Structure formats: C-alpha cells, structure tokens
Amino acid sequence: MLDPQPPTPKPRRLAPLGVALLLLTCRSERAGADDCAVILDRIVALELAEQGYRDPELTRRKQQEFARRFVPELQRCEGLSLPPGARECIARAGSAEEISHVCLR
C-alpha cells in the first residue's frame, strides 16, 4: 500500500515578503540580486520551520519555487536601500516578522 503524499507546505504569511521588499527605503547600502534572494530564502525557511517542516531538501525546493514565482518582486527589490546591519539581522532573525519589522526598518 502506498503512503499518501504529505500535504505541500505553503508559507502562509508571505505578506512579510511584500512588506520586507517595500520597507527597503532610503538608507545606506543598496540591495543586490543576492541580497534580495537571501531575504526571500530566509523568509521561506523561517515560515516552513514555523509550520513544523524541517527537511532541508523540502526547504531548498520551496525556496526555488518561490524564487521563480516572485521574479518580478525580486527584480524590483534590486537597488533598493538596506538599513545598516540588515544583512546580519536577517541571518539571525527568528521569524519572518522579525525580518520585516526589525531588520528592514
């Protein structure tokens, strides 16, 4: 008997992505394509972890899926300003909300 497929996890609060990308306002450093990809990847990883998914392969696949889905948003992100210390804050953030409400303000 085949095991049923587990439900496909969907980061339920991708609104922080939109907020995070819009919050990159007049500050010191400009976001490059890599910065924008890191922000999206980190948000996806944190959202999946909050939902109880801890499989690194699943996380990688979902990050790739959302990178394809959000190409226009990622392109708009490039060149926007990053607040001082944003990269370090994003790397140590414990939630997607922390990224949007603390790291990118």
PDB file of N, CA and C in Angstrom:
ATOM      1  N   MET A   1       0.835  -1.173   0.000  1.00  0.00           N
ATOM      2  CA  MET A   1       0.000   0.000   0.000  1.00  0.00           C
ATOM      3  C   MET A   1       0.891   1.251   0.000  1.00  0.00           C
ATOM      4  N   LEU A   2       0.584   2.176  -0.840  1.00  0.00           N
ATOM      5  CA  LEU A   2       1.367   3.396  -0.953  1.00  0.00           C
ATOM      6  C   LEU A   2       0.990   4.385   0.134  1.00  0.00           C
ATOM      7  N   ASP A   3       2.008   5.051   0.651  1.00  0.00           N
ATOM      8  CA  ASP A   3       1.746   6.111   1.618  1.00  0.00           C
ATOM      9  C   ASP A   3       1.196   7.312   0.870  1.00  0.00           C
ATOM     10  N   PRO A   4       0.182   7.966   1.422  1.00  0.00           N
ATOM     11  CA  PRO A   4      -0.329   9.174   0.755  1.00  0.00           C
ATOM     12  C   PRO A   4       0.723  10.273   0.811  1.00  0.00           C
ATOM     13  N   GLN A   5       0.688  11.121  -0.189  1.00  0.00           N
ATOM     14  CA  GLN A   5       1.608  12.249  -0.243  1.00  0.00           C
ATOM     15  C   GLN A   5       1.325  13.183   0.928  1.00  0.00           C
ATOM     16  N   PRO A   6       2.372  13.658   1.615  1.00  0.00           N
ATOM     17  CA  PRO A   6       2.127  14.649   2.662  1.00  0.00           C
ATOM     18  C   PRO A   6       1.652  15.943   2.015  1.00  0.00           C
ATOM     19  N   PRO A   7       0.894  16.731   2.744  1.00  0.00           N
ATOM     20  CA  PRO A   7       0.432  17.990   2.164  1.00  0.00           C
ATOM     21  C   PRO A   7       1.614  18.879   1.816  1.00  0.00           C
ATOM     22  N   THR A   8       1.470  19.597   0.735  1.00  0.00           N
ATOM     23  CA  THR A   8       2.519  20.508   0.313  1.00  0.00           C
ATOM     24  C   THR A   8       2.468  21.733   1.213  1.00  0.00           C
ATOM     25  N   PRO A   9       3.579  22.023   1.917  1.00  0.00           N
ATOM     26  CA  PRO A   9       3.568  23.185   2.792  1.00  0.00           C
ATOM     27  C   PRO A   9       3.557  24.469   1.974  1.00  0.00           C
ATOM     28  N   LYS A  10       2.806  25.418   2.439  1.00  0.00           N
ATOM     29  CA  LYS A  10       2.725  26.713   1.775  1.00  0.00           C
ATOM     30  C   LYS A  10       2.977  27.778   2.828  1.00  0.00           C
ATOM     31  N   PRO A  11       4.074  28.510   2.694  1.00  0.00           N
ATOM     32  CA  PRO A  11       4.273  29.579   3.659  1.00  0.00           C
ATOM     33  C   PRO A  11       3.034  30.461   3.681  1.00  0.00           C
ATOM     34  N   ARG A  12       2.386  30.491   4.819  1.00  0.00           N
ATOM     35  CA  ARG A  12       1.069  31.121   4.911  1.00  0.00           C
ATOM     36  C   ARG A  12       1.124  32.627   5.061  1.00  0.00           C
ATOM     37  N   ARG A  13       2.252  33.124   5.400  1.00  0.00           N
ATOM     38  CA  ARG A  13       2.323  34.558   5.604  1.00  0.00           C
ATOM     39  C   ARG A  13       3.396  35.153   4.719  1.00  0.00           C
ATOM     40  N   LEU A  14       3.182  35.076   3.431  1.00  0.00           N
ATOM     41  CA  LEU A  14       4.158  35.680   2.529  1.00  0.00           C
ATOM     42  C   LEU A  14       4.002  37.180   2.456  1.00  0.00           C
ATOM     43  N   ALA A  15       2.993  37.693   3.152  1.00  0.00           N
ATOM     44  CA  ALA A  15       2.853  39.142   3.216  1.00  0.00           C
ATOM     45  C   ALA A  15       4.127  39.803   3.730  1.00  0.00           C
ATOM     46  N   PRO A  16       4.840  39.170   4.701  1.00  0.00           N
ATOM     47  CA  PRO A  16       6.086  39.807   5.125  1.00  0.00           C
ATOM     48  C   PRO A  16       7.075  39.999   3.983  1.00  0.00           C
ATOM     49  N   LEU A  17       7.033  39.131   2.969  1.00  0.00           N
ATOM     50  CA  LEU A  17       7.923  39.315   1.823  1.00  0.00           C
ATOM     51  C   LEU A  17       7.620  40.642   1.148  1.00  0.00           C
ATOM     52  N   GLY A  18       6.356  40.865   0.852  1.00  0.00           N
ATOM     53  CA  GLY A  18       5.982  42.116   0.206  1.00  0.00           C
ATOM     54  C   GLY A  18       6.332  43.307   1.064  1.00  0.00           C
ATOM     55  N   VAL A  19       6.035  43.189   2.350  1.00  0.00           N
ATOM     56  CA  VAL A  19       6.348  44.272   3.277  1.00  0.00           C
ATOM     57  C   VAL A  19       7.855  44.481   3.336  1.00  0.00           C
ATOM     58  N   ALA A  20       8.591  43.369   3.444  1.00  0.00           N
ATOM     59  CA  ALA A  20      10.050  43.472   3.540  1.00  0.00           C
ATOM     60  C   ALA A  20      10.622  44.152   2.310  1.00  0.00           C
ATOM     61  N   LEU A  21      10.152  43.762   1.151  1.00  0.00           N
ATOM     62  CA  LEU A  21      10.684  44.357  -0.078  1.00  0.00           C
ATOM     63  C   LEU A  21      10.310  45.830  -0.185  1.00  0.00           C
ATOM     64  N   LEU A  22       9.138  46.185   0.303  1.00  0.00           N
ATOM     65  CA  LEU A  22       8.726  47.586   0.246  1.00  0.00           C
ATOM     66  C   LEU A  22       9.399  48.438   1.312  1.00  0.00           C
ATOM     67  N   LEU A  23       9.806  47.808   2.415  1.00  0.00           N
ATOM     68  CA  LEU A  23      10.414  48.555   3.505  1.00  0.00           C
ATOM     69  C   LEU A  23      11.866  48.933   3.245  1.00  0.00           C
ATOM     70  N   LEU A  24      12.431  48.427   2.170  1.00  0.00           N
ATOM     71  CA  LEU A  24      13.813  48.760   1.849  1.00  0.00           C
ATOM     72  C   LEU A  24      13.841  50.199   1.321  1.00  0.00           C
ATOM     73  N   THR A  25      13.870  51.146   2.226  1.00  0.00           N
ATOM     74  CA  THR A  25      13.788  52.555   1.836  1.00  0.00           C
ATOM     75  C   THR A  25      15.108  53.273   2.080  1.00  0.00           C
ATOM     76  N   CYS A  26      15.107  54.554   1.891  1.00  0.00           N
ATOM     77  CA  CYS A  26      16.297  55.411   1.913  1.00  0.00           C
ATOM     78  C   CYS A  26      17.212  55.183   3.104  1.00  0.00           C
ATOM     79  N   ARG A  27      18.183  54.344   2.951  1.00  0.00           N
ATOM     80  CA  ARG A  27      19.213  54.123   3.967  1.00  0.00           C
ATOM     81  C   ARG A  27      20.556  54.009   3.267  1.00  0.00           C
ATOM     82  N   SER A  28      21.489  53.267   3.847  1.00  0.00           N
ATOM     83  CA  SER A  28      22.870  53.351   3.387  1.00  0.00           C
ATOM     84  C   SER A  28      23.257  52.465   2.207  1.00  0.00           C
ATOM     85  N   GLU A  29      22.998  51.173   2.241  1.00  0.00           N
ATOM     86  CA  GLU A  29      23.504  50.275   1.201  1.00  0.00           C
ATOM     87  C   GLU A  29      22.381  49.845   0.263  1.00  0.00           C
ATOM     88  N   ARG A  30      22.742  49.570  -0.978  1.00  0.00           N
ATOM     89  CA  ARG A  30      21.775  49.122  -1.977  1.00  0.00           C
ATOM     90  C   ARG A  30      21.712  47.599  -1.992  1.00  0.00           C
ATOM     91  N   ALA A  31      20.508  47.072  -2.136  1.00  0.00           N
ATOM     92  CA  ALA A  31      20.305  45.618  -2.213  1.00  0.00           C
ATOM     93  C   ALA A  31      20.676  45.131  -3.601  1.00  0.00           C
ATOM     94  N   GLY A  32      21.491  44.103  -3.646  1.00  0.00           N
ATOM     95  CA  GLY A  32      21.817  43.457  -4.900  1.00  0.00           C
ATOM     96  C   GLY A  32      20.904  42.256  -5.104  1.00  0.00           C
ATOM     97  N   ALA A  33      21.021  41.615  -6.221  1.00  0.00           N
ATOM     98  CA  ALA A  33      20.212  40.428  -6.505  1.00  0.00           C
ATOM     99  C   ALA A  33      20.413  39.363  -5.433  1.00  0.00           C
ATOM    100  N   ASP A  34      21.666  39.203  -4.974  1.00  0.00           N
ATOM    101  CA  ASP A  34      21.946  38.216  -3.932  1.00  0.00           C
ATOM    102  C   ASP A  34      21.236  38.561  -2.626  1.00  0.00           C
ATOM    103  N   ASP A  35      21.229  39.849  -2.264  1.00  0.00           N
ATOM    104  CA  ASP A  35      20.543  40.270  -1.044  1.00  0.00           C
ATOM    105  C   ASP A  35      19.054  39.941  -1.121  1.00  0.00           C
ATOM    106  N   CYS A  36      18.455  40.242  -2.245  1.00  0.00           N
ATOM    107  CA  CYS A  36      17.021  40.003  -2.420  1.00  0.00           C
ATOM    108  C   CYS A  36      16.710  38.510  -2.347  1.00  0.00           C
ATOM    109  N   ALA A  37      17.560  37.700  -2.960  1.00  0.00           N
ATOM    110  CA  ALA A  37      17.371  36.246  -2.911  1.00  0.00           C
ATOM    111  C   ALA A  37      17.520  35.727  -1.487  1.00  0.00           C
ATOM    112  N   VAL A  38      18.488  36.263  -0.743  1.00  0.00           N
ATOM    113  CA  VAL A  38      18.694  35.835   0.645  1.00  0.00           C
ATOM    114  C   VAL A  38      17.475  36.175   1.496  1.00  0.00           C
ATOM    115  N   ILE A  39      16.915  37.357   1.302  1.00  0.00           N
ATOM    116  CA  ILE A  39      15.727  37.753   2.069  1.00  0.00           C
ATOM    117  C   ILE A  39      14.588  36.776   1.802  1.00  0.00           C
ATOM    118  N   LEU A  40      14.317  36.499   0.535  1.00  0.00           N
ATOM    119  CA  LEU A  40      13.236  35.573   0.192  1.00  0.00           C
ATOM    120  C   LEU A  40      13.517  34.179   0.747  1.00  0.00           C
ATOM    121  N   ASP A  41      14.734  33.668   0.543  1.00  0.00           N
ATOM    122  CA  ASP A  41      15.072  32.327   1.027  1.00  0.00           C
ATOM    123  C   ASP A  41      14.916  32.230   2.535  1.00  0.00           C
ATOM    124  N   ARG A  42      15.356  33.259   3.241  1.00  0.00           N
ATOM    125  CA  ARG A  42      15.273  33.239   4.709  1.00  0.00           C
ATOM    126  C   ARG A  42      13.818  33.260   5.163  1.00  0.00           C
ATOM    127  N   ILE A  43      12.992  34.069   4.519  1.00  0.00           N
ATOM    128  CA  ILE A  43      11.568  34.121   4.882  1.00  0.00           C
ATOM    129  C   ILE A  43      10.915  32.765   4.643  1.00  0.00           C
ATOM    130  N   VAL A  44      11.179  32.154   3.503  1.00  0.00           N
ATOM    131  CA  VAL A  44      10.594  30.838   3.198  1.00  0.00           C
ATOM    132  C   VAL A  44      11.054  29.812   4.224  1.00  0.00           C
ATOM    133  N   ALA A  45      12.351  29.786   4.539  1.00  0.00           N
ATOM    134  CA  ALA A  45      12.873  28.817   5.513  1.00  0.00           C
ATOM    135  C   ALA A  45      12.240  29.016   6.882  1.00  0.00           C
ATOM    136  N   LEU A  46      12.123  30.261   7.305  1.00  0.00           N
ATOM    137  CA  LEU A  46      11.527  30.534   8.619  1.00  0.00           C
ATOM    138  C   LEU A  46      10.051  30.153   8.658  1.00  0.00           C
ATOM    139  N   GLU A  47       9.324  30.477   7.595  1.00  0.00           N
ATOM    140  CA  GLU A  47       7.897  30.125   7.551  1.00  0.00           C
ATOM    141  C   GLU A  47       7.698  28.613   7.587  1.00  0.00           C
ATOM    142  N   LEU A  48       8.502  27.872   6.832  1.00  0.00           N
ATOM    143  CA  LEU A  48       8.393  26.414   6.844  1.00  0.00           C
ATOM    144  C   LEU A  48       8.717  25.859   8.228  1.00  0.00           C
ATOM    145  N   ALA A  49       9.752  26.378   8.852  1.00  0.00           N
ATOM    146  CA  ALA A  49      10.123  25.921  10.195  1.00  0.00           C
ATOM    147  C   ALA A  49       9.005  26.208  11.193  1.00  0.00           C
ATOM    148  N   GLU A  50       8.372  27.368  11.078  1.00  0.00           N
ATOM    149  CA  GLU A  50       7.258  27.706  11.971  1.00  0.00           C
ATOM    150  C   GLU A  50       6.085  26.751  11.789  1.00  0.00           C
ATOM    151  N   GLN A  51       5.954  26.187  10.591  1.00  0.00           N
ATOM    152  CA  GLN A  51       4.879  25.231  10.320  1.00  0.00           C
ATOM    153  C   GLN A  51       5.287  23.804  10.682  1.00  0.00           C
ATOM    154  N   GLY A  52       6.519  23.623  11.161  1.00  0.00           N
ATOM    155  CA  GLY A  52       6.969  22.313  11.592  1.00  0.00           C
ATOM    156  C   GLY A  52       7.744  21.528  10.550  1.00  0.00           C
ATOM    157  N   TYR A  53       8.011  22.113   9.405  1.00  0.00           N
ATOM    158  CA  TYR A  53       8.778  21.434   8.354  1.00  0.00           C
ATOM    159  C   TYR A  53      10.252  21.745   8.546  1.00  0.00           C
ATOM    160  N   ARG A  54      11.048  20.702   8.711  1.00  0.00           N
ATOM    161  CA  ARG A  54      12.466  20.903   8.977  1.00  0.00           C
ATOM    162  C   ARG A  54      13.369  20.179   7.971  1.00  0.00           C
ATOM    163  N   ASP A  55      12.804  19.650   6.921  1.00  0.00           N
ATOM    164  CA  ASP A  55      13.566  18.910   5.915  1.00  0.00           C
ATOM    165  C   ASP A  55      14.333  19.893   5.024  1.00  0.00           C
ATOM    166  N   PRO A  56      15.668  19.837   5.022  1.00  0.00           N
ATOM    167  CA  PRO A  56      16.446  20.785   4.217  1.00  0.00           C
ATOM    168  C   PRO A  56      16.145  20.689   2.720  1.00  0.00           C
ATOM    169  N   GLU A  57      15.877  19.495   2.230  1.00  0.00           N
ATOM    170  CA  GLU A  57      15.574  19.341   0.801  1.00  0.00           C
ATOM    171  C   GLU A  57      14.244  20.008   0.459  1.00  0.00           C
ATOM    172  N   LEU A  58      13.238  19.833   1.305  1.00  0.00           N
ATOM    173  CA  LEU A  58      11.950  20.492   1.096  1.00  0.00           C
ATOM    174  C   LEU A  58      12.136  22.009   1.116  1.00  0.00           C
ATOM    175  N   THR A  59      12.905  22.484   2.064  1.00  0.00           N
ATOM    176  CA  THR A  59      13.166  23.928   2.154  1.00  0.00           C
ATOM    177  C   THR A  59      13.818  24.429   0.875  1.00  0.00           C
ATOM    178  N   ARG A  60      14.818  23.723   0.392  1.00  0.00           N
ATOM    179  CA  ARG A  60      15.509  24.120  -0.841  1.00  0.00           C
ATOM    180  C   ARG A  60      14.539  24.161  -2.028  1.00  0.00           C
ATOM    181  N   ARG A  61      13.699  23.122  -2.150  1.00  0.00           N
ATOM    182  CA  ARG A  61      12.734  23.091  -3.259  1.00  0.00           C
ATOM    183  C   ARG A  61      11.750  24.249  -3.169  1.00  0.00           C
ATOM    184  N   LYS A  62      11.267  24.524  -1.970  1.00  0.00           N
ATOM    185  CA  LYS A  62      10.314  25.623  -1.799  1.00  0.00           C
ATOM    186  C   LYS A  62      10.978  26.971  -2.074  1.00  0.00           C
ATOM    187  N   GLN A  63      12.228  27.123  -1.662  1.00  0.00           N
ATOM    188  CA  GLN A  63      12.939  28.369  -1.949  1.00  0.00           C
ATOM    189  C   GLN A  63      13.065  28.576  -3.452  1.00  0.00           C
ATOM    190  N   GLN A  64      13.379  27.513  -4.178  1.00  0.00           N
ATOM    191  CA  GLN A  64      13.477  27.614  -5.636  1.00  0.00           C
ATOM    192  C   GLN A  64      12.117  27.936  -6.254  1.00  0.00           C
ATOM    193  N   GLU A  65      11.079  27.277  -5.756  1.00  0.00           N
ATOM    194  CA  GLU A  65       9.727  27.518  -6.273  1.00  0.00           C
ATOM    195  C   GLU A  65       9.321  28.979  -6.078  1.00  0.00           C
ATOM    196  N   PHE A  66       9.543  29.515  -4.873  1.00  0.00           N
ATOM    197  CA  PHE A  66       9.141  30.892  -4.605  1.00  0.00           C
ATOM    198  C   PHE A  66      10.029  31.885  -5.343  1.00  0.00           C
ATOM    199  N   ALA A  67      11.287  31.549  -5.572  1.00  0.00           N
ATOM    200  CA  ALA A  67      12.157  32.426  -6.360  1.00  0.00           C
ATOM    201  C   ALA A  67      11.623  32.555  -7.784  1.00  0.00           C
ATOM    202  N   ARG A  68      11.132  31.443  -8.332  1.00  0.00           N
ATOM    203  CA  ARG A  68      10.531  31.504  -9.679  1.00  0.00           C
ATOM    204  C   ARG A  68       9.217  32.279  -9.649  1.00  0.00           C
ATOM    205  N   ARG A  69       8.428  32.063  -8.623  1.00  0.00           N
ATOM    206  CA  ARG A  69       7.113  32.701  -8.523  1.00  0.00           C
ATOM    207  C   ARG A  69       7.220  34.209  -8.325  1.00  0.00           C
ATOM    208  N   PHE A  70       8.252  34.659  -7.636  1.00  0.00           N
ATOM    209  CA  PHE A  70       8.374  36.073  -7.281  1.00  0.00           C
ATOM    210  C   PHE A  70       9.471  36.800  -8.062  1.00  0.00           C
ATOM    211  N   VAL A  71       9.735  36.379  -9.286  1.00  0.00           N
ATOM    212  CA  VAL A  71      10.762  37.027 -10.112  1.00  0.00           C
ATOM    213  C   VAL A  71      10.530  38.536 -10.221  1.00  0.00           C
ATOM    214  N   PRO A  72       9.323  39.005 -10.538  1.00  0.00           N
ATOM    215  CA  PRO A  72       9.148  40.465 -10.667  1.00  0.00           C
ATOM    216  C   PRO A  72       9.432  41.204  -9.352  1.00  0.00           C
ATOM    217  N   GLU A  73       9.010  40.633  -8.225  1.00  0.00           N
ATOM    218  CA  GLU A  73       9.248  41.280  -6.932  1.00  0.00           C
ATOM    219  C   GLU A  73      10.743  41.307  -6.609  1.00  0.00           C
ATOM    220  N   LEU A  74      11.433  40.218  -6.930  1.00  0.00           N
ATOM    221  CA  LEU A  74      12.876  40.172  -6.689  1.00  0.00           C
ATOM    222  C   LEU A  74      13.603  41.195  -7.559  1.00  0.00           C
ATOM    223  N   GLN A  75      13.154  41.372  -8.782  1.00  0.00           N
ATOM    224  CA  GLN A  75      13.769  42.368  -9.662  1.00  0.00           C
ATOM    225  C   GLN A  75      13.529  43.782  -9.141  1.00  0.00           C
ATOM    226  N   ARG A  76      12.331  44.039  -8.611  1.00  0.00           N
ATOM    227  CA  ARG A  76      12.037  45.363  -8.047  1.00  0.00           C
ATOM    228  C   ARG A  76      12.845  45.620  -6.781  1.00  0.00           C
ATOM    229  N   CYS A  77      13.176  44.563  -6.068  1.00  0.00           N
ATOM    230  CA  CYS A  77      13.960  44.678  -4.835  1.00  0.00           C
ATOM    231  C   CYS A  77      15.374  45.176  -5.115  1.00  0.00           C
ATOM    232  N   GLU A  78      15.956  44.757  -6.230  1.00  0.00           N
ATOM    233  CA  GLU A  78      17.337  45.126  -6.554  1.00  0.00           C
ATOM    234  C   GLU A  78      17.497  46.641  -6.631  1.00  0.00           C
ATOM    235  N   GLY A  79      18.509  47.127  -5.963  1.00  0.00           N
ATOM    236  CA  GLY A  79      18.799  48.555  -5.981  1.00  0.00           C
ATOM    237  C   GLY A  79      18.135  49.336  -4.867  1.00  0.00           C
ATOM    238  N   LEU A  80      17.192  48.720  -4.162  1.00  0.00           N
ATOM    239  CA  LEU A  80      16.578  49.415  -3.039  1.00  0.00           C
ATOM    240  C   LEU A  80      17.574  49.480  -1.891  1.00  0.00           C
ATOM    241  N   SER A  81      17.369  50.420  -0.993  1.00  0.00           N
ATOM    242  CA  SER A  81      18.308  50.629   0.106  1.00  0.00           C
ATOM    243  C   SER A  81      18.076  49.652   1.242  1.00  0.00           C
ATOM    244  N   LEU A  82      19.173  49.202   1.839  1.00  0.00           N
ATOM    245  CA  LEU A  82      19.132  48.341   3.020  1.00  0.00           C
ATOM    246  C   LEU A  82      19.520  49.160   4.240  1.00  0.00           C
ATOM    247  N   PRO A  83      18.812  48.985   5.348  1.00  0.00           N
ATOM    248  CA  PRO A  83      19.214  49.668   6.577  1.00  0.00           C
ATOM    249  C   PRO A  83      20.573  49.143   7.056  1.00  0.00           C
ATOM    250  N   PRO A  84      21.299  49.932   7.807  1.00  0.00           N
ATOM    251  CA  PRO A  84      22.563  49.450   8.359  1.00  0.00           C
ATOM    252  C   PRO A  84      22.351  48.175   9.187  1.00  0.00           C
ATOM    253  N   GLY A  85      23.192  47.187   8.991  1.00  0.00           N
ATOM    254  CA  GLY A  85      23.114  45.942   9.755  1.00  0.00           C
ATOM    255  C   GLY A  85      22.030  44.975   9.302  1.00  0.00           C
ATOM    256  N   ALA A  86      21.365  45.262   8.200  1.00  0.00           N
ATOM    257  CA  ALA A  86      20.246  44.424   7.749  1.00  0.00           C
ATOM    258  C   ALA A  86      20.688  43.000   7.432  1.00  0.00           C
ATOM    259  N   ARG A  87      21.802  42.849   6.768  1.00  0.00           N
ATOM    260  CA  ARG A  87      22.242  41.502   6.373  1.00  0.00           C
ATOM    261  C   ARG A  87      22.466  40.610   7.592  1.00  0.00           C
ATOM    262  N   GLU A  88      23.127  41.139   8.598  1.00  0.00           N
ATOM    263  CA  GLU A  88      23.376  40.361   9.814  1.00  0.00           C
ATOM    264  C   GLU A  88      22.074  40.064  10.547  1.00  0.00           C
ATOM    265  N   CYS A  89      21.198  41.036  10.606  1.00  0.00           N
ATOM    266  CA  CYS A  89      19.907  40.864  11.268  1.00  0.00           C
ATOM    267  C   CYS A  89      19.088  39.771  10.582  1.00  0.00           C
ATOM    268  N   ILE A  90      19.061  39.774   9.264  1.00  0.00           N
ATOM    269  CA  ILE A  90      18.312  38.769   8.505  1.00  0.00           C
ATOM    270  C   ILE A  90      18.871  37.380   8.787  1.00  0.00           C
ATOM    271  N   ALA A  91      20.192  37.266   8.843  1.00  0.00           N
ATOM    272  CA  ALA A  91      20.827  35.966   9.078  1.00  0.00           C
ATOM    273  C   ALA A  91      20.475  35.389  10.447  1.00  0.00           C
ATOM    274  N   ARG A  92      20.275  36.250  11.443  1.00  0.00           N
ATOM    275  CA  ARG A  92      19.986  35.726  12.783  1.00  0.00           C
ATOM    276  C   ARG A  92      18.512  35.841  13.185  1.00  0.00           C
ATOM    277  N   ALA A  93      17.682  36.354  12.293  1.00  0.00           N
ATOM    278  CA  ALA A  93      16.252  36.524  12.608  1.00  0.00           C
ATOM    279  C   ALA A  93      15.605  35.191  12.951  1.00  0.00           C
ATOM    280  N   GLY A  94      14.697  35.236  13.914  1.00  0.00           N
ATOM    281  CA  GLY A  94      13.989  34.033  14.339  1.00  0.00           C
ATOM    282  C   GLY A  94      12.626  33.878  13.706  1.00  0.00           C
ATOM    283  N   SER A  95      12.169  34.888  12.971  1.00  0.00           N
ATOM    284  CA  SER A  95      10.857  34.804  12.320  1.00  0.00           C
ATOM    285  C   SER A  95      10.827  35.735  11.114  1.00  0.00           C
ATOM    286  N   ALA A  96       9.885  35.463  10.231  1.00  0.00           N
ATOM    287  CA  ALA A  96       9.700  36.318   9.057  1.00  0.00           C
ATOM    288  C   ALA A  96       9.276  37.724   9.498  1.00  0.00           C
ATOM    289  N   GLU A  97       8.490  37.793  10.552  1.00  0.00           N
ATOM    290  CA  GLU A  97       8.051  39.084  11.060  1.00  0.00           C
ATOM    291  C   GLU A  97       9.225  39.921  11.547  1.00  0.00           C
ATOM    292  N   GLU A  98      10.202  39.243  12.170  1.00  0.00           N
ATOM    293  CA  GLU A  98      11.389  39.962  12.626  1.00  0.00           C
ATOM    294  C   GLU A  98      12.136  40.564  11.440  1.00  0.00           C
ATOM    295  N   ILE A  99      12.197  39.835  10.344  1.00  0.00           N
ATOM    296  CA  ILE A  99      12.854  40.373   9.154  1.00  0.00           C
ATOM    297  C   ILE A  99      12.157  41.637   8.686  1.00  0.00           C
ATOM    298  N   SER A 100      10.844  41.579   8.563  1.00  0.00           N
ATOM    299  CA  SER A 100      10.124  42.736   8.022  1.00  0.00           C
ATOM    300  C   SER A 100       9.985  43.876   9.025  1.00  0.00           C
ATOM    301  N   HIS A 101       9.823  43.546  10.321  1.00  0.00           N
ATOM    302  CA  HIS A 101       9.544  44.591  11.309  1.00  0.00           C
ATOM    303  C   HIS A 101      10.782  45.120  12.021  1.00  0.00           C
ATOM    304  N   VAL A 102      11.891  44.372  11.970  1.00  0.00           N
ATOM    305  CA  VAL A 102      13.107  44.814  12.666  1.00  0.00           C
ATOM    306  C   VAL A 102      14.255  45.014  11.680  1.00  0.00           C
ATOM    307  N   CYS A 103      14.561  43.997  10.907  1.00  0.00           N
ATOM    308  CA  CYS A 103      15.757  44.024  10.064  1.00  0.00           C
ATOM    309  C   CYS A 103      15.679  45.032   8.920  1.00  0.00           C
ATOM    310  N   LEU A 104      14.512  45.218   8.382  1.00  0.00           N
ATOM    311  CA  LEU A 104      14.397  46.063   7.177  1.00  0.00           C
ATOM    312  C   LEU A 104      13.748  47.412   7.454  1.00  0.00           C
ATOM    313  N   ARG A 105      13.739  47.822   8.681  1.00  0.00           N
ATOM    314  CA  ARG A 105      13.202  49.156   9.022  1.00  0.00           C
ATOM    315  C   ARG A 105      14.311  50.121   9.285  1.00  0.00           C
TER     316      ARG A 105
END
